[in-house]
Amino acid sequence: MQCANPSCKAEVMYFRSGSLHCVDYFVTGSQNHKGEQRRVVWLCAECTRKLVVETWRPPGQQLQPRRRETPGVPVHDRYSTAA
């Protein structure tokens, strides 16, 4: 399996790094296999740091740049439920 980022040539040997995602995609071909289907894609560890898979987007537009973190605010503090 190759990284879902088209500009990356990394190949998975073990699923110890990176991330797996279930995404929708369009299939063209014979009458029996046309339409939208799902598949599992993998992002290597390096691309996972830079990109995010947004599954609610239309097929072909699901790979998006990761937003920059808010400087000085740790991720765990932004989502904390403690008062």
N, C-alpha and C. Protein backbone atom coordinates (compact mmCIF):
# COMPACT_ATOMS: atom_id res chain seq x y z
N MET A 1 0.86 -1.17 0.00
CA MET A 1 0.00 0.00 0.00
C MET A 1 0.90 1.23 0.00
N GLN A 2 0.55 2.21 -0.79
CA GLN A 2 1.33 3.44 -0.91
C GLN A 2 0.59 4.57 -0.20
N CYS A 3 1.33 5.57 0.23
CA CYS A 3 0.76 6.74 0.89
C CYS A 3 -0.30 7.38 -0.01
N ALA A 4 -1.41 7.85 0.59
CA ALA A 4 -2.51 8.45 -0.16
C ALA A 4 -2.15 9.81 -0.74
N ASN A 5 -1.08 10.41 -0.26
CA ASN A 5 -0.61 11.69 -0.80
C ASN A 5 0.04 11.41 -2.16
N PRO A 6 -0.52 11.94 -3.25
CA PRO A 6 0.02 11.64 -4.58
C PRO A 6 1.47 12.07 -4.77
N SER A 7 1.94 13.05 -4.03
CA SER A 7 3.32 13.50 -4.19
C SER A 7 4.31 12.73 -3.30
N CYS A 8 3.81 11.78 -2.52
CA CYS A 8 4.67 10.99 -1.63
C CYS A 8 4.78 9.57 -2.19
N LYS A 9 5.96 9.03 -2.12
CA LYS A 9 6.19 7.68 -2.65
C LYS A 9 6.42 6.64 -1.54
N ALA A 10 6.11 7.00 -0.28
CA ALA A 10 6.31 6.06 0.83
C ALA A 10 5.38 4.86 0.70
N GLU A 11 5.90 3.70 1.05
CA GLU A 11 5.11 2.48 1.04
C GLU A 11 5.08 1.90 2.44
N VAL A 12 3.94 1.33 2.79
CA VAL A 12 3.78 0.76 4.13
C VAL A 12 4.35 -0.66 4.16
N MET A 13 5.13 -0.92 5.18
CA MET A 13 5.61 -2.28 5.43
C MET A 13 4.89 -2.83 6.66
N TYR A 14 4.71 -1.98 7.66
CA TYR A 14 4.00 -2.31 8.88
C TYR A 14 3.15 -1.10 9.25
N PHE A 15 2.02 -1.31 9.87
CA PHE A 15 1.14 -0.21 10.24
C PHE A 15 1.51 0.37 11.60
N ARG A 16 2.78 0.52 11.86
CA ARG A 16 3.23 1.09 13.14
C ARG A 16 3.24 2.61 13.12
N SER A 17 3.32 3.18 11.93
CA SER A 17 3.35 4.64 11.84
C SER A 17 2.37 5.08 10.77
N GLY A 18 2.03 6.34 10.81
CA GLY A 18 1.07 6.87 9.85
C GLY A 18 -0.35 6.70 10.36
N SER A 19 -1.32 6.78 9.45
CA SER A 19 -2.72 6.68 9.85
C SER A 19 -3.55 6.05 8.73
N LEU A 20 -4.56 5.28 9.11
CA LEU A 20 -5.48 4.64 8.18
C LEU A 20 -6.80 5.39 8.19
N HIS A 21 -7.43 5.51 7.01
CA HIS A 21 -8.69 6.23 6.88
C HIS A 21 -9.59 5.50 5.91
N CYS A 22 -10.88 5.47 6.17
CA CYS A 22 -11.87 4.91 5.26
C CYS A 22 -12.48 6.09 4.50
N VAL A 23 -12.35 6.08 3.16
CA VAL A 23 -12.83 7.20 2.35
C VAL A 23 -13.73 6.71 1.23
N ASP A 24 -14.58 7.60 0.73
CA ASP A 24 -15.42 7.33 -0.43
C ASP A 24 -14.66 7.71 -1.69
N TYR A 25 -14.91 6.99 -2.77
CA TYR A 25 -14.31 7.34 -4.05
C TYR A 25 -15.24 6.88 -5.16
N PHE A 26 -15.10 7.47 -6.33
CA PHE A 26 -15.93 7.12 -7.47
C PHE A 26 -15.24 6.06 -8.31
N VAL A 27 -16.03 5.12 -8.77
CA VAL A 27 -15.52 4.05 -9.62
C VAL A 27 -16.14 4.22 -10.99
N THR A 28 -15.31 4.17 -12.01
CA THR A 28 -15.81 4.16 -13.38
C THR A 28 -15.38 2.86 -14.02
N GLY A 29 -16.14 2.41 -14.94
CA GLY A 29 -15.81 1.14 -15.58
C GLY A 29 -17.07 0.45 -16.04
N SER A 30 -17.15 -0.85 -15.78
CA SER A 30 -18.30 -1.63 -16.24
C SER A 30 -19.58 -1.16 -15.54
N GLN A 31 -20.70 -1.48 -16.12
CA GLN A 31 -22.00 -1.06 -15.59
C GLN A 31 -22.21 -1.54 -14.15
N ASN A 32 -21.69 -2.70 -13.80
CA ASN A 32 -21.90 -3.25 -12.46
C ASN A 32 -21.06 -2.57 -11.39
N HIS A 33 -20.02 -1.86 -11.76
CA HIS A 33 -19.11 -1.31 -10.76
C HIS A 33 -19.03 0.21 -10.78
N LYS A 34 -19.97 0.88 -11.42
CA LYS A 34 -19.96 2.34 -11.41
C LYS A 34 -20.55 2.86 -10.12
N GLY A 35 -20.14 4.05 -9.73
CA GLY A 35 -20.72 4.70 -8.56
C GLY A 35 -19.71 4.95 -7.47
N GLU A 36 -20.22 5.25 -6.30
CA GLU A 36 -19.38 5.60 -5.16
C GLU A 36 -19.15 4.36 -4.30
N GLN A 37 -17.91 4.13 -3.93
CA GLN A 37 -17.57 3.01 -3.07
C GLN A 37 -16.64 3.51 -1.98
N ARG A 38 -16.28 2.64 -1.05
CA ARG A 38 -15.36 2.99 0.03
C ARG A 38 -14.10 2.17 -0.07
N ARG A 39 -13.03 2.77 0.41
CA ARG A 39 -11.77 2.04 0.49
C ARG A 39 -10.96 2.60 1.65
N VAL A 40 -9.98 1.83 2.07
CA VAL A 40 -9.08 2.24 3.14
C VAL A 40 -7.82 2.81 2.51
N VAL A 41 -7.41 4.00 2.97
CA VAL A 41 -6.17 4.62 2.49
C VAL A 41 -5.25 4.83 3.69
N TRP A 42 -3.98 4.93 3.41
CA TRP A 42 -2.96 5.11 4.44
C TRP A 42 -2.17 6.37 4.16
N LEU A 43 -1.91 7.16 5.20
CA LEU A 43 -0.99 8.30 5.11
C LEU A 43 0.24 7.95 5.92
N CYS A 44 1.42 8.15 5.36
CA CYS A 44 2.65 7.87 6.10
C CYS A 44 2.77 8.86 7.26
N ALA A 45 3.69 8.59 8.16
CA ALA A 45 3.85 9.43 9.36
C ALA A 45 4.16 10.88 8.99
N GLU A 46 5.02 11.08 8.01
CA GLU A 46 5.39 12.44 7.59
C GLU A 46 4.18 13.19 7.03
N CYS A 47 3.41 12.54 6.17
CA CYS A 47 2.24 13.20 5.57
C CYS A 47 1.12 13.39 6.60
N THR A 48 1.03 12.52 7.59
CA THR A 48 0.03 12.67 8.65
C THR A 48 0.29 13.95 9.44
N ARG A 49 1.55 14.35 9.57
CA ARG A 49 1.87 15.60 10.28
C ARG A 49 1.43 16.83 9.48
N LYS A 50 1.38 16.71 8.14
CA LYS A 50 1.08 17.86 7.28
C LYS A 50 -0.33 17.86 6.71
N LEU A 51 -0.95 16.69 6.63
CA LEU A 51 -2.24 16.57 5.96
C LEU A 51 -3.27 15.90 6.85
N VAL A 52 -4.53 16.12 6.53
CA VAL A 52 -5.64 15.48 7.23
C VAL A 52 -6.61 14.96 6.17
N VAL A 53 -7.26 13.84 6.45
CA VAL A 53 -8.27 13.29 5.55
C VAL A 53 -9.63 13.70 6.09
N GLU A 54 -10.36 14.50 5.32
CA GLU A 54 -11.69 14.98 5.71
C GLU A 54 -12.71 14.15 4.95
N THR A 55 -13.26 13.14 5.61
CA THR A 55 -14.11 12.16 4.93
C THR A 55 -15.44 12.72 4.47
N TRP A 56 -15.89 13.84 5.00
CA TRP A 56 -17.17 14.41 4.60
C TRP A 56 -17.08 15.18 3.28
N ARG A 57 -15.88 15.42 2.81
CA ARG A 57 -15.72 16.11 1.52
C ARG A 57 -15.97 15.15 0.36
N PRO A 58 -16.26 15.70 -0.82
CA PRO A 58 -16.47 14.84 -1.99
C PRO A 58 -15.19 14.06 -2.34
N PRO A 59 -15.34 12.87 -2.90
CA PRO A 59 -14.16 12.09 -3.32
C PRO A 59 -13.25 12.93 -4.21
N GLY A 60 -11.96 12.82 -3.97
CA GLY A 60 -10.97 13.60 -4.71
C GLY A 60 -10.59 14.90 -4.02
N GLN A 61 -11.38 15.31 -3.02
CA GLN A 61 -11.09 16.54 -2.29
C GLN A 61 -10.89 16.28 -0.80
N GLN A 62 -10.70 15.03 -0.43
CA GLN A 62 -10.64 14.66 0.99
C GLN A 62 -9.30 14.91 1.64
N LEU A 63 -8.24 14.97 0.90
CA LEU A 63 -6.90 15.20 1.44
C LEU A 63 -6.67 16.71 1.50
N GLN A 64 -6.55 17.24 2.72
CA GLN A 64 -6.43 18.68 2.92
C GLN A 64 -5.24 18.99 3.82
N PRO A 65 -4.66 20.20 3.68
CA PRO A 65 -3.56 20.59 4.58
C PRO A 65 -4.07 20.67 6.01
N ARG A 66 -3.24 20.23 6.93
CA ARG A 66 -3.58 20.31 8.36
C ARG A 66 -3.50 21.77 8.78
N ARG A 67 -4.45 22.21 9.59
CA ARG A 67 -4.43 23.59 10.09
C ARG A 67 -3.31 23.75 11.08
N ARG A 68 -2.77 24.93 11.12
CA ARG A 68 -1.69 25.22 12.09
C ARG A 68 -2.29 25.27 13.48
N GLU A 69 -1.53 24.79 14.44
CA GLU A 69 -1.97 24.82 15.83
C GLU A 69 -1.89 26.24 16.37
N THR A 70 -2.72 26.56 17.36
CA THR A 70 -2.69 27.85 18.01
C THR A 70 -1.41 27.93 18.85
N PRO A 71 -0.54 28.92 18.58
CA PRO A 71 0.72 29.01 19.33
C PRO A 71 0.47 29.19 20.82
N GLY A 72 1.21 28.44 21.63
CA GLY A 72 1.15 28.60 23.07
C GLY A 72 -0.01 27.91 23.75
N VAL A 73 -0.90 27.27 22.99
CA VAL A 73 -2.04 26.58 23.60
C VAL A 73 -1.92 25.10 23.27
N PRO A 74 -1.55 24.28 24.25
CA PRO A 74 -1.44 22.84 24.00
C PRO A 74 -2.78 22.25 23.57
N VAL A 75 -2.76 21.24 22.72
CA VAL A 75 -3.97 20.62 22.20
C VAL A 75 -4.85 20.12 23.33
N HIS A 76 -4.27 19.48 24.35
CA HIS A 76 -5.10 18.92 25.42
C HIS A 76 -5.82 20.01 26.21
N ASP A 77 -5.29 21.24 26.26
CA ASP A 77 -5.96 22.33 26.98
C ASP A 77 -7.16 22.87 26.20
N ARG A 78 -7.09 22.86 24.87
CA ARG A 78 -8.18 23.39 24.07
C ARG A 78 -9.42 22.52 24.15
N TYR A 79 -9.24 21.23 24.41
CA TYR A 79 -10.38 20.31 24.43
C TYR A 79 -10.70 19.83 25.83
N SER A 80 -10.12 20.43 26.82
CA SER A 80 -10.34 20.02 28.20
C SER A 80 -11.74 20.37 28.65
N THR A 81 -12.35 19.47 29.43
CA THR A 81 -13.69 19.74 29.97
C THR A 81 -13.62 20.22 31.41
N ALA A 82 -12.43 20.29 31.97
CA ALA A 82 -12.29 20.73 33.35
C ALA A 82 -12.60 22.22 33.46
N ALA A 83 -13.24 22.60 34.55
CA ALA A 83 -13.60 24.02 34.73
C ALA A 83 -12.52 24.75 35.50
